[in-house]
Amino acid sequence: METQSIITRAEYLAQAGTENAEYTHREYYAQFVTDTAVRMVGARFGEKLLASRDRYFNDIGIELWDKVCTVIHINVTAWKKAGNNGYSKSDLVCIAKAAGREYRKQRWITEIE
């Protein structure tokens, strides 16, 4: 997945708590999603993702997201360009969920409001 310009971590954090914070959160983490991540998350959660009615995929247990984030492939180049050094499990879960949203989008499933 290729992004036009990188949203830096500083820019992302400066938006926290603002009116468009959720959009910024989604856009920030989506820029680190790879095609491999979309396939991996789809293989692990495909039917659950398509059936999900929770906009945050919280109807898929966090313990399952924690497991998939141990093997997810992220765009490390973009991650570093965004000013990140290391990453936490929560960062990887957010990227995995962004990959899940892309998986749904590729199958013409609309965004959950």
Protein backbone atom coordinates (compact mmCIF):
# COMPACT_ATOMS: atom_id res chain seq x y z
CA MET A 1 0.00 0.00 0.00
CA GLU A 2 1.59 3.26 -1.05
CA THR A 3 0.90 6.63 0.53
CA GLN A 4 1.43 9.99 -1.18
CA SER A 5 2.90 11.81 1.81
CA ILE A 6 3.80 10.51 5.22
CA ILE A 7 1.97 11.77 8.30
CA THR A 8 4.62 12.01 10.99
CA ARG A 9 4.05 10.82 14.52
CA ALA A 10 4.38 14.42 15.72
CA GLU A 11 1.65 15.54 13.29
CA TYR A 12 -0.54 12.63 14.36
CA LEU A 13 -0.10 13.38 18.06
CA ALA A 14 -0.76 17.09 17.50
CA GLN A 15 -4.19 16.11 16.12
CA ALA A 16 -5.08 13.97 19.14
CA GLY A 17 -8.26 15.14 20.80
CA THR A 18 -9.32 17.31 17.87
CA GLU A 19 -12.53 16.92 15.93
CA ASN A 20 -10.93 14.80 13.19
CA ALA A 21 -8.76 12.72 15.54
CA GLU A 22 -10.35 9.41 14.51
CA TYR A 23 -9.83 10.13 10.83
CA THR A 24 -6.23 11.06 11.56
CA HIS A 25 -5.76 7.90 13.62
CA ARG A 26 -7.04 5.76 10.75
CA GLU A 27 -5.02 7.60 8.14
CA TYR A 28 -1.88 7.51 10.28
CA TYR A 29 -1.95 3.75 10.85
CA ALA A 30 -3.21 2.92 7.33
CA GLN A 31 0.00 4.31 5.82
CA PHE A 32 1.93 1.41 7.36
CA VAL A 33 -0.30 -1.33 5.94
CA THR A 34 1.26 -3.59 3.30
CA ASP A 35 -0.43 -5.89 0.81
CA THR A 36 1.05 -8.78 2.79
CA ALA A 37 -0.60 -7.46 5.97
CA VAL A 38 -3.98 -7.27 4.21
CA ARG A 39 -3.63 -10.87 3.00
CA MET A 40 -2.44 -12.06 6.40
CA VAL A 41 -5.24 -10.38 8.34
CA GLY A 42 -7.74 -11.55 5.74
CA ALA A 43 -6.52 -15.14 6.02
CA ARG A 44 -6.78 -15.00 9.81
CA PHE A 45 -10.06 -13.07 10.21
CA GLY A 46 -11.70 -13.01 6.76
CA GLU A 47 -15.25 -14.08 7.66
CA LYS A 48 -15.12 -12.25 11.00
CA LEU A 49 -14.02 -9.04 9.28
CA LEU A 50 -16.78 -9.28 6.69
CA ALA A 51 -19.40 -10.01 9.35
CA SER A 52 -18.18 -7.39 11.84
CA ARG A 53 -20.66 -4.69 12.80
CA ASP A 54 -18.26 -2.86 15.12
CA ARG A 55 -16.39 0.03 13.51
CA TYR A 56 -13.33 -0.77 15.64
CA PHE A 57 -13.53 -4.56 15.10
CA ASN A 58 -13.95 -4.99 18.86
CA ASP A 59 -16.28 -7.90 18.17
CA ILE A 60 -13.09 -9.77 17.23
CA GLY A 61 -11.36 -10.47 20.54
CA ILE A 62 -8.27 -8.45 21.46
CA GLU A 63 -6.40 -11.67 22.23
CA LEU A 64 -6.78 -12.62 18.55
CA TRP A 65 -5.50 -9.21 17.40
CA ASP A 66 -2.59 -9.57 19.83
CA LYS A 67 -1.66 -12.89 18.24
CA VAL A 68 -1.78 -11.64 14.65
CA CYS A 69 0.32 -8.58 15.46
CA THR A 70 3.24 -10.83 16.38
CA VAL A 71 3.64 -11.81 12.72
CA ILE A 72 2.23 -8.85 10.78
CA HIS A 73 4.40 -7.25 8.09
CA ILE A 74 4.34 -3.46 8.21
CA ASN A 75 5.82 -0.80 5.94
CA VAL A 76 8.99 -0.23 7.97
CA THR A 77 10.27 2.46 5.57
CA ALA A 78 7.13 4.55 6.07
CA TRP A 79 7.23 3.84 9.82
CA LYS A 80 10.75 5.27 10.07
CA LYS A 81 9.93 8.23 7.78
CA ALA A 82 7.07 9.05 10.15
CA GLY A 83 9.65 9.51 12.90
CA ASN A 84 9.13 6.24 14.72
CA ASN A 85 11.91 4.14 16.17
CA GLY A 86 10.32 1.13 17.80
CA TYR A 87 6.70 0.09 18.02
CA SER A 88 4.35 -1.26 20.65
CA LYS A 89 1.85 -4.08 20.49
CA SER A 90 -0.90 -1.44 20.39
CA ASP A 91 0.73 0.17 17.32
CA LEU A 92 0.76 -3.22 15.59
CA VAL A 93 -2.87 -3.92 16.54
CA CYS A 94 -3.87 -0.54 15.06
CA ILE A 95 -1.99 -1.41 11.85
CA ALA A 96 -3.61 -4.86 11.76
CA LYS A 97 -7.06 -3.31 12.17
CA ALA A 98 -6.22 -0.83 9.38
CA ALA A 99 -5.33 -3.86 7.24
CA GLY A 100 -8.72 -5.33 8.18
CA ARG A 101 -10.47 -2.16 6.98
CA GLU A 102 -8.54 -2.41 3.70
CA TYR A 103 -9.53 -6.07 3.39
CA ARG A 104 -13.21 -5.09 3.72
CA LYS A 105 -12.77 -2.20 1.28
CA GLN A 106 -11.22 -4.51 -1.34
CA ARG A 107 -14.36 -6.65 -1.08
CA TRP A 108 -16.71 -3.68 -1.53
CA ILE A 109 -17.87 -3.76 2.09
CA THR A 110 -18.75 -0.25 3.23
CA GLU A 111 -17.24 1.41 6.25
CA ILE A 112 -19.12 0.84 9.51
CA GLU A 113 -20.54 4.08 10.87
